[in-house]
């Protein structure tokens, strides 16, 4: 079993409330939370309205498929969210 972790930090420019932050970032869970080989969660900065951190954990027997899934997520995050990525960390367990 191969497990890969991707941790993504965001800056939400102009975000004025936690409600707005949730609204802007909800698409992540809606889009990727239903995949069977992926766990998704908001992992830090819960009470800071202009920052967010999300963790994606992919598991399976095919390293290439997990890497492709995480790459697709990264592409989506770069193009579809109203937030700027400030850091991405990858780790294989």
PDB file of N, CA and C in Angstrom:
ATOM      1  N   UNK A   1       0.856  -1.182   0.000  1.00  0.00           N
ATOM      2  CA  UNK A   1       0.000   0.000   0.000  1.00  0.00           C
ATOM      3  C   UNK A   1       0.896   1.238   0.000  1.00  0.00           C
ATOM      4  N   UNK A   2       0.602   2.141  -0.900  1.00  0.00           N
ATOM      5  CA  UNK A   2       1.337   3.400  -1.012  1.00  0.00           C
ATOM      6  C   UNK A   2       0.431   4.519  -0.514  1.00  0.00           C
ATOM      7  N   UNK A   3       0.990   5.380   0.321  1.00  0.00           N
ATOM      8  CA  UNK A   3       0.249   6.515   0.857  1.00  0.00           C
ATOM      9  C   UNK A   3       1.037   7.779   0.553  1.00  0.00           C
ATOM     10  N   UNK A   4       0.370   8.735  -0.074  1.00  0.00           N
ATOM     11  CA  UNK A   4       0.985  10.027  -0.386  1.00  0.00           C
ATOM     12  C   UNK A   4       0.154  11.133   0.225  1.00  0.00           C
ATOM     13  N   UNK A   5       0.854  12.111   0.786  1.00  0.00           N
ATOM     14  CA  UNK A   5       0.207  13.235   1.456  1.00  0.00           C
ATOM     15  C   UNK A   5       0.611  14.524   0.749  1.00  0.00           C
ATOM     16  N   UNK A   6      -0.374  15.352   0.458  1.00  0.00           N
ATOM     17  CA  UNK A   6      -0.130  16.684  -0.101  1.00  0.00           C
ATOM     18  C   UNK A   6      -0.789  17.702   0.825  1.00  0.00           C
ATOM     19  N   UNK A   7       0.010  18.616   1.350  1.00  0.00           N
ATOM     20  CA  UNK A   7      -0.489  19.668   2.227  1.00  0.00           C
ATOM     21  C   UNK A   7      -0.355  20.992   1.484  1.00  0.00           C
ATOM     22  N   UNK A   8      -1.468  21.715   1.372  1.00  0.00           N
ATOM     23  CA  UNK A   8      -1.502  22.950   0.592  1.00  0.00           C
ATOM     24  C   UNK A   8      -1.912  24.107   1.496  1.00  0.00           C
ATOM     25  N   UNK A   9      -1.095  25.160   1.489  1.00  0.00           N
ATOM     26  CA  UNK A   9      -1.398  26.390   2.225  1.00  0.00           C
ATOM     27  C   UNK A   9      -1.924  27.437   1.253  1.00  0.00           C
ATOM     28  N   UNK A  10      -2.944  28.171   1.690  1.00  0.00           N
ATOM     29  CA  UNK A  10      -3.575  29.192   0.859  1.00  0.00           C
ATOM     30  C   UNK A  10      -3.582  30.530   1.572  1.00  0.00           C
ATOM     31  N   UNK A  11      -3.558  31.583   0.777  1.00  0.00           N
ATOM     32  CA  UNK A  11      -3.839  32.934   1.250  1.00  0.00           C
ATOM     33  C   UNK A  11      -5.111  33.380   0.543  1.00  0.00           C
ATOM     34  N   UNK A  12      -6.078  33.831   1.310  1.00  0.00           N
ATOM     35  CA  UNK A  12      -7.360  34.264   0.764  1.00  0.00           C
ATOM     36  C   UNK A  12      -7.421  35.789   0.834  1.00  0.00           C
ATOM     37  N   UNK A  13      -6.903  36.442  -0.181  1.00  0.00           N
ATOM     38  CA  UNK A  13      -6.883  37.896  -0.216  1.00  0.00           C
ATOM     39  C   UNK A  13      -8.278  38.484  -0.189  1.00  0.00           C
ATOM     40  N   UNK A  14      -8.471  39.498   0.626  1.00  0.00           N
ATOM     41  CA  UNK A  14      -9.756  40.185   0.699  1.00  0.00           C
ATOM     42  C   UNK A  14     -10.828  39.456   1.477  1.00  0.00           C
ATOM     43  N   UNK A  15     -10.507  38.330   2.057  1.00  0.00           N
ATOM     44  CA  UNK A  15     -11.493  37.567   2.827  1.00  0.00           C
ATOM     45  C   UNK A  15     -11.738  38.272   4.159  1.00  0.00           C
ATOM     46  N   UNK A  16     -12.986  38.563   4.469  1.00  0.00           N
ATOM     47  CA  UNK A  16     -13.313  39.364   5.648  1.00  0.00           C
ATOM     48  C   UNK A  16     -13.948  38.588   6.799  1.00  0.00           C
ATOM     49  N   UNK A  17     -14.294  37.318   6.572  1.00  0.00           N
ATOM     50  CA  UNK A  17     -14.944  36.569   7.647  1.00  0.00           C
ATOM     51  C   UNK A  17     -14.710  35.071   7.455  1.00  0.00           C
ATOM     52  N   UNK A  18     -14.930  34.324   8.528  1.00  0.00           N
ATOM     53  CA  UNK A  18     -14.813  32.874   8.438  1.00  0.00           C
ATOM     54  C   UNK A  18     -15.910  32.289   7.548  1.00  0.00           C
ATOM     55  N   UNK A  19     -17.061  32.930   7.534  1.00  0.00           N
ATOM     56  CA  UNK A  19     -18.151  32.473   6.667  1.00  0.00           C
ATOM     57  C   UNK A  19     -17.750  32.605   5.198  1.00  0.00           C
ATOM     58  N   UNK A  20     -17.133  33.708   4.848  1.00  0.00           N
ATOM     59  CA  UNK A  20     -16.662  33.892   3.474  1.00  0.00           C
ATOM     60  C   UNK A  20     -15.567  32.878   3.134  1.00  0.00           C
ATOM     61  N   UNK A  21     -14.679  32.632   4.093  1.00  0.00           N
ATOM     62  CA  UNK A  21     -13.614  31.642   3.891  1.00  0.00           C
ATOM     63  C   UNK A  21     -14.219  30.271   3.597  1.00  0.00           C
ATOM     64  N   UNK A  22     -15.173  29.840   4.396  1.00  0.00           N
ATOM     65  CA  UNK A  22     -15.828  28.545   4.176  1.00  0.00           C
ATOM     66  C   UNK A  22     -16.487  28.498   2.797  1.00  0.00           C
ATOM     67  N   UNK A  23     -17.138  29.583   2.425  1.00  0.00           N
ATOM     68  CA  UNK A  23     -17.813  29.630   1.131  1.00  0.00           C
ATOM     69  C   UNK A  23     -16.807  29.492  -0.021  1.00  0.00           C
ATOM     70  N   UNK A  24     -15.676  30.160   0.088  1.00  0.00           N
ATOM     71  CA  UNK A  24     -14.670  30.125  -0.976  1.00  0.00           C
ATOM     72  C   UNK A  24     -13.946  28.785  -1.062  1.00  0.00           C
ATOM     73  N   UNK A  25     -13.821  28.078   0.056  1.00  0.00           N
ATOM     74  CA  UNK A  25     -13.031  26.853   0.078  1.00  0.00           C
ATOM     75  C   UNK A  25     -13.878  25.572   0.045  1.00  0.00           C
ATOM     76  N   UNK A  26     -15.189  25.680   0.139  1.00  0.00           N
ATOM     77  CA  UNK A  26     -16.063  24.515   0.185  1.00  0.00           C
ATOM     78  C   UNK A  26     -15.955  23.662  -1.070  1.00  0.00           C
ATOM     79  N   UNK A  27     -15.658  24.279  -2.194  1.00  0.00           N
ATOM     80  CA  UNK A  27     -15.568  23.526  -3.448  1.00  0.00           C
ATOM     81  C   UNK A  27     -14.537  22.404  -3.378  1.00  0.00           C
ATOM     82  N   UNK A  28     -13.519  22.561  -2.537  1.00  0.00           N
ATOM     83  CA  UNK A  28     -12.496  21.517  -2.425  1.00  0.00           C
ATOM     84  C   UNK A  28     -13.132  20.220  -1.933  1.00  0.00           C
ATOM     85  N   UNK A  29     -13.835  20.294  -0.822  1.00  0.00           N
ATOM     86  CA  UNK A  29     -14.465  19.099  -0.259  1.00  0.00           C
ATOM     87  C   UNK A  29     -15.549  18.558  -1.186  1.00  0.00           C
ATOM     88  N   UNK A  30     -16.324  19.443  -1.777  1.00  0.00           N
ATOM     89  CA  UNK A  30     -17.385  19.012  -2.689  1.00  0.00           C
ATOM     90  C   UNK A  30     -16.826  18.242  -3.882  1.00  0.00           C
ATOM     91  N   UNK A  31     -15.708  18.698  -4.408  1.00  0.00           N
ATOM     92  CA  UNK A  31     -15.156  18.094  -5.622  1.00  0.00           C
ATOM     93  C   UNK A  31     -14.351  16.829  -5.344  1.00  0.00           C
ATOM     94  N   UNK A  32     -13.550  16.822  -4.269  1.00  0.00           N
ATOM     95  CA  UNK A  32     -12.623  15.715  -4.050  1.00  0.00           C
ATOM     96  C   UNK A  32     -12.977  14.815  -2.872  1.00  0.00           C
ATOM     97  N   UNK A  33     -13.898  15.219  -2.039  1.00  0.00           N
ATOM     98  CA  UNK A  33     -14.245  14.432  -0.860  1.00  0.00           C
ATOM     99  C   UNK A  33     -14.961  13.135  -1.155  1.00  0.00           C
ATOM    100  N   UNK A  34     -15.421  12.957  -2.377  1.00  0.00           N
ATOM    101  CA  UNK A  34     -16.176  11.755  -2.733  1.00  0.00           C
ATOM    102  C   UNK A  34     -15.326  10.685  -3.404  1.00  0.00           C
ATOM    103  N   UNK A  35     -14.067  10.986  -3.696  1.00  0.00           N
ATOM    104  CA  UNK A  35     -13.199   9.996  -4.332  1.00  0.00           C
ATOM    105  C   UNK A  35     -12.848   8.897  -3.344  1.00  0.00           C
ATOM    106  N   UNK A  36     -12.883   7.656  -3.802  1.00  0.00           N
ATOM    107  CA  UNK A  36     -12.716   6.523  -2.889  1.00  0.00           C
ATOM    108  C   UNK A  36     -11.288   6.347  -2.384  1.00  0.00           C
ATOM    109  N   UNK A  37     -10.298   6.782  -3.120  1.00  0.00           N
ATOM    110  CA  UNK A  37      -8.917   6.580  -2.690  1.00  0.00           C
ATOM    111  C   UNK A  37      -8.281   7.837  -2.118  1.00  0.00           C
ATOM    112  N   UNK A  38      -9.112   8.809  -1.704  1.00  0.00           N
ATOM    113  CA  UNK A  38      -8.594  10.100  -1.267  1.00  0.00           C
ATOM    114  C   UNK A  38      -9.323  10.579  -0.017  1.00  0.00           C
ATOM    115  N   UNK A  39      -8.540  11.068   0.934  1.00  0.00           N
ATOM    116  CA  UNK A  39      -9.102  11.730   2.118  1.00  0.00           C
ATOM    117  C   UNK A  39      -8.759  13.210   2.017  1.00  0.00           C
ATOM    118  N   UNK A  40      -9.724  14.073   2.357  1.00  0.00           N
ATOM    119  CA  UNK A  40      -9.563  15.512   2.238  1.00  0.00           C
ATOM    120  C   UNK A  40     -10.018  16.165   3.536  1.00  0.00           C
ATOM    121  N   UNK A  41      -9.210  17.105   4.046  1.00  0.00           N
ATOM    122  CA  UNK A  41      -9.661  17.832   5.240  1.00  0.00           C
ATOM    123  C   UNK A  41      -8.984  19.188   5.321  1.00  0.00           C
ATOM    124  N   UNK A  42      -9.673  20.126   5.954  1.00  0.00           N
ATOM    125  CA  UNK A  42      -9.050  21.395   6.314  1.00  0.00           C
ATOM    126  C   UNK A  42      -8.210  21.104   7.549  1.00  0.00           C
ATOM    127  N   UNK A  43      -6.903  21.329   7.463  1.00  0.00           N
ATOM    128  CA  UNK A  43      -6.012  20.829   8.505  1.00  0.00           C
ATOM    129  C   UNK A  43      -5.401  21.884   9.415  1.00  0.00           C
ATOM    130  N   UNK A  44      -5.517  23.171   9.082  1.00  0.00           N
ATOM    131  CA  UNK A  44      -4.949  24.195   9.959  1.00  0.00           C
ATOM    132  C   UNK A  44      -5.571  25.546   9.636  1.00  0.00           C
ATOM    133  N   UNK A  45      -5.289  26.529  10.473  1.00  0.00           N
ATOM    134  CA  UNK A  45      -5.752  27.919  10.330  1.00  0.00           C
ATOM    135  C   UNK A  45      -7.279  28.010  10.355  1.00  0.00           C
ATOM    136  N   UNK A  46      -7.911  27.233  11.203  1.00  0.00           N
ATOM    137  CA  UNK A  46      -9.372  27.189  11.269  1.00  0.00           C
ATOM    138  C   UNK A  46      -9.990  28.531  11.661  1.00  0.00           C
ATOM    139  N   UNK A  47      -9.315  29.286  12.509  1.00  0.00           N
ATOM    140  CA  UNK A  47      -9.885  30.537  13.015  1.00  0.00           C
ATOM    141  C   UNK A  47      -9.264  31.783  12.391  1.00  0.00           C
ATOM    142  N   UNK A  48      -8.500  31.624  11.335  1.00  0.00           N
ATOM    143  CA  UNK A  48      -7.879  32.758  10.648  1.00  0.00           C
ATOM    144  C   UNK A  48      -8.566  32.901   9.294  1.00  0.00           C
ATOM    145  N   UNK A  49      -9.225  34.023   9.090  1.00  0.00           N
ATOM    146  CA  UNK A  49     -10.069  34.149   7.898  1.00  0.00           C
ATOM    147  C   UNK A  49      -9.300  34.339   6.594  1.00  0.00           C
ATOM    148  N   UNK A  50      -8.056  34.756   6.616  1.00  0.00           N
ATOM    149  CA  UNK A  50      -7.318  34.989   5.371  1.00  0.00           C
ATOM    150  C   UNK A  50      -6.293  33.901   5.041  1.00  0.00           C
ATOM    151  N   UNK A  51      -6.262  32.838   5.837  1.00  0.00           N
ATOM    152  CA  UNK A  51      -5.352  31.713   5.572  1.00  0.00           C
ATOM    153  C   UNK A  51      -6.123  30.404   5.681  1.00  0.00           C
ATOM    154  N   UNK A  52      -5.658  29.402   4.933  1.00  0.00           N
ATOM    155  CA  UNK A  52      -6.259  28.071   4.996  1.00  0.00           C
ATOM    156  C   UNK A  52      -5.178  27.041   4.684  1.00  0.00           C
ATOM    157  N   UNK A  53      -5.356  25.870   5.245  1.00  0.00           N
ATOM    158  CA  UNK A  53      -4.481  24.748   4.915  1.00  0.00           C
ATOM    159  C   UNK A  53      -5.367  23.524   4.739  1.00  0.00           C
ATOM    160  N   UNK A  54      -5.157  22.835   3.618  1.00  0.00           N
ATOM    161  CA  UNK A  54      -5.895  21.623   3.323  1.00  0.00           C
ATOM    162  C   UNK A  54      -4.920  20.489   3.092  1.00  0.00           C
ATOM    163  N   UNK A  55      -5.299  19.298   3.561  1.00  0.00           N
ATOM    164  CA  UNK A  55      -4.471  18.113   3.390  1.00  0.00           C
ATOM    165  C   UNK A  55      -5.233  17.092   2.562  1.00  0.00           C
ATOM    166  N   UNK A  56      -4.516  16.494   1.607  1.00  0.00           N
ATOM    167  CA  UNK A  56      -5.050  15.470   0.722  1.00  0.00           C
ATOM    168  C   UNK A  56      -4.203  14.222   0.911  1.00  0.00           C
ATOM    169  N   UNK A  57      -4.843  13.106   1.213  1.00  0.00           N
ATOM    170  CA  UNK A  57      -4.123  11.845   1.424  1.00  0.00           C
ATOM    171  C   UNK A  57      -4.653  10.833   0.419  1.00  0.00           C
ATOM    172  N   UNK A  58      -3.755  10.412  -0.463  1.00  0.00           N
ATOM    173  CA  UNK A  58      -4.100   9.416  -1.466  1.00  0.00           C
ATOM    174  C   UNK A  58      -3.501   8.070  -1.090  1.00  0.00           C
ATOM    175  N   UNK A  59      -4.268   7.005  -1.254  1.00  0.00           N
ATOM    176  CA  UNK A  59      -3.798   5.663  -0.903  1.00  0.00           C
ATOM    177  C   UNK A  59      -4.160   4.696  -2.012  1.00  0.00           C
ATOM    178  N   UNK A  60      -3.265   3.738  -2.248  1.00  0.00           N
ATOM    179  CA  UNK A  60      -3.517   2.720  -3.259  1.00  0.00           C
ATOM    180  C   UNK A  60      -2.273   1.907  -3.530  1.00  0.00           C
ATOM    181  N   UNK A  61      -2.351   1.059  -4.521  1.00  0.00           N
ATOM    182  CA  UNK A  61      -1.217   0.204  -4.862  1.00  0.00           C
ATOM    183  C   UNK A  61      -0.462   0.724  -6.082  1.00  0.00           C
ATOM    184  N   UNK A  62      -1.020   1.682  -6.793  1.00  0.00           N
ATOM    185  CA  UNK A  62      -0.408   2.223  -8.001  1.00  0.00           C
ATOM    186  C   UNK A  62       0.101   3.644  -7.737  1.00  0.00           C
ATOM    187  N   UNK A  63       1.411   3.777  -7.589  1.00  0.00           N
ATOM    188  CA  UNK A  63       2.032   5.068  -7.288  1.00  0.00           C
ATOM    189  C   UNK A  63       1.704   6.109  -8.367  1.00  0.00           C
ATOM    190  N   UNK A  64       1.742   5.701  -9.618  1.00  0.00           N
ATOM    191  CA  UNK A  64       1.484   6.619 -10.724  1.00  0.00           C
ATOM    192  C   UNK A  64       0.071   7.186 -10.661  1.00  0.00           C
ATOM    193  N   UNK A  65      -0.895   6.346 -10.357  1.00  0.00           N
ATOM    194  CA  UNK A  65      -2.290   6.809 -10.277  1.00  0.00           C
ATOM    195  C   UNK A  65      -2.466   7.817  -9.137  1.00  0.00           C
ATOM    196  N   UNK A  66      -1.837   7.555  -8.000  1.00  0.00           N
ATOM    197  CA  UNK A  66      -1.932   8.487  -6.872  1.00  0.00           C
ATOM    198  C   UNK A  66      -1.281   9.815  -7.244  1.00  0.00           C
ATOM    199  N   UNK A  67      -0.116   9.774  -7.873  1.00  0.00           N
ATOM    200  CA  UNK A  67       0.569  10.993  -8.291  1.00  0.00           C
ATOM    201  C   UNK A  67      -0.274  11.772  -9.293  1.00  0.00           C
ATOM    202  N   UNK A  68      -0.924  11.080 -10.220  1.00  0.00           N
ATOM    203  CA  UNK A  68      -1.786  11.749 -11.192  1.00  0.00           C
ATOM    204  C   UNK A  68      -2.972  12.424 -10.509  1.00  0.00           C
ATOM    205  N   UNK A  69      -3.562  11.742  -9.537  1.00  0.00           N
ATOM    206  CA  UNK A  69      -4.692  12.314  -8.800  1.00  0.00           C
ATOM    207  C   UNK A  69      -4.269  13.583  -8.084  1.00  0.00           C
ATOM    208  N   UNK A  70      -3.134  13.545  -7.394  1.00  0.00           N
ATOM    209  CA  UNK A  70      -2.653  14.725  -6.669  1.00  0.00           C
ATOM    210  C   UNK A  70      -2.281  15.850  -7.636  1.00  0.00           C
ATOM    211  N   UNK A  71      -1.745  15.509  -8.794  1.00  0.00           N
ATOM    212  CA  UNK A  71      -1.423  16.527  -9.800  1.00  0.00           C
ATOM    213  C   UNK A  71      -2.690  17.189 -10.338  1.00  0.00           C
ATOM    214  N   UNK A  72      -3.749  16.408 -10.533  1.00  0.00           N
ATOM    215  CA  UNK A  72      -5.025  16.970 -10.983  1.00  0.00           C
ATOM    216  C   UNK A  72      -5.605  17.903  -9.927  1.00  0.00           C
ATOM    217  N   UNK A  73      -5.468  17.521  -8.673  1.00  0.00           N
ATOM    218  CA  UNK A  73      -5.948  18.376  -7.584  1.00  0.00           C
ATOM    219  C   UNK A  73      -5.174  19.690  -7.577  1.00  0.00           C
ATOM    220  N   UNK A  74      -3.855  19.605  -7.697  1.00  0.00           N
ATOM    221  CA  UNK A  74      -3.026  20.816  -7.709  1.00  0.00           C
ATOM    222  C   UNK A  74      -3.423  21.735  -8.866  1.00  0.00           C
ATOM    223  N   UNK A  75      -3.654  21.174 -10.043  1.00  0.00           N
ATOM    224  CA  UNK A  75      -4.078  21.972 -11.194  1.00  0.00           C
ATOM    225  C   UNK A  75      -5.412  22.657 -10.916  1.00  0.00           C
ATOM    226  N   UNK A  76      -6.355  21.921 -10.361  1.00  0.00           N
ATOM    227  CA  UNK A  76      -7.660  22.495 -10.024  1.00  0.00           C
ATOM    228  C   UNK A  76      -7.504  23.637  -9.022  1.00  0.00           C
ATOM    229  N   UNK A  77      -6.707  23.420  -7.987  1.00  0.00           N
ATOM    230  CA  UNK A  77      -6.521  24.442  -6.954  1.00  0.00           C
ATOM    231  C   UNK A  77      -5.899  25.707  -7.527  1.00  0.00           C
ATOM    232  N   UNK A  78      -5.006  25.560  -8.481  1.00  0.00           N
ATOM    233  CA  UNK A  78      -4.356  26.713  -9.103  1.00  0.00           C
ATOM    234  C   UNK A  78      -5.288  27.492 -10.025  1.00  0.00           C
ATOM    235  N   UNK A  79      -6.278  26.842 -10.591  1.00  0.00           N
ATOM    236  CA  UNK A  79      -7.098  27.499 -11.610  1.00  0.00           C
ATOM    237  C   UNK A  79      -8.516  27.843 -11.173  1.00  0.00           C
ATOM    238  N   UNK A  80      -9.093  27.088 -10.259  1.00  0.00           N
ATOM    239  CA  UNK A  80     -10.531  27.229  -9.997  1.00  0.00           C
ATOM    240  C   UNK A  80     -10.882  27.894  -8.670  1.00  0.00           C
ATOM    241  N   UNK A  81      -9.940  28.059  -7.784  1.00  0.00           N
ATOM    242  CA  UNK A  81     -10.261  28.636  -6.472  1.00  0.00           C
ATOM    243  C   UNK A  81      -9.939  30.120  -6.418  1.00  0.00           C
ATOM    244  N   UNK A  82     -10.706  30.820  -5.612  1.00  0.00           N
ATOM    245  CA  UNK A  82     -10.454  32.235  -5.354  1.00  0.00           C
ATOM    246  C   UNK A  82      -9.507  32.349  -4.158  1.00  0.00           C
ATOM    247  N   UNK A  83      -8.302  31.780  -4.327  1.00  0.00           N
ATOM    248  CA  UNK A  83      -7.287  31.787  -3.280  1.00  0.00           C
ATOM    249  C   UNK A  83      -5.923  31.589  -3.940  1.00  0.00           C
ATOM    250  N   UNK A  84      -4.898  32.088  -3.289  1.00  0.00           N
ATOM    251  CA  UNK A  84      -3.545  31.944  -3.811  1.00  0.00           C
ATOM    252  C   UNK A  84      -2.822  30.856  -3.021  1.00  0.00           C
ATOM    253  N   UNK A  85      -2.215  29.921  -3.726  1.00  0.00           N
ATOM    254  CA  UNK A  85      -1.426  28.882  -3.067  1.00  0.00           C
ATOM    255  C   UNK A  85      -0.097  29.492  -2.630  1.00  0.00           C
ATOM    256  N   UNK A  86       0.232  29.338  -1.358  1.00  0.00           N
ATOM    257  CA  UNK A  86       1.496  29.869  -0.852  1.00  0.00           C
ATOM    258  C   UNK A  86       2.535  28.786  -0.631  1.00  0.00           C
ATOM    259  N   UNK A  87       2.099  27.539  -0.471  1.00  0.00           N
ATOM    260  CA  UNK A  87       3.041  26.443  -0.246  1.00  0.00           C
ATOM    261  C   UNK A  87       2.350  25.110  -0.520  1.00  0.00           C
ATOM    262  N   UNK A  88       3.113  24.171  -1.097  1.00  0.00           N
ATOM    263  CA  UNK A  88       2.634  22.799  -1.279  1.00  0.00           C
ATOM    264  C   UNK A  88       3.751  21.869  -0.837  1.00  0.00           C
ATOM    265  N   UNK A  89       3.421  20.941   0.061  1.00  0.00           N
ATOM    266  CA  UNK A  89       4.373  19.941   0.525  1.00  0.00           C
ATOM    267  C   UNK A  89       3.849  18.556   0.160  1.00  0.00           C
ATOM    268  N   UNK A  90       4.734  17.737  -0.382  1.00  0.00           N
ATOM    269  CA  UNK A  90       4.415  16.344  -0.712  1.00  0.00           C
ATOM    270  C   UNK A  90       5.227  15.428   0.188  1.00  0.00           C
ATOM    271  N   UNK A  91       4.612  14.325   0.572  1.00  0.00           N
ATOM    272  CA  UNK A  91       5.299  13.322   1.377  1.00  0.00           C
ATOM    273  C   UNK A  91       4.740  11.948   1.036  1.00  0.00           C
ATOM    274  N   UNK A  92       5.616  10.979   0.946  1.00  0.00           N
ATOM    275  CA  UNK A  92       5.181   9.612   0.739  1.00  0.00           C
ATOM    276  C   UNK A  92       5.466   8.828   2.007  1.00  0.00           C
ATOM    277  N   UNK A  93       4.455   8.134   2.488  1.00  0.00           N
ATOM    278  CA  UNK A  93       4.608   7.364   3.718  1.00  0.00           C
ATOM    279  C   UNK A  93       4.790   5.899   3.417  1.00  0.00           C
TER     280      UNK A  93
END
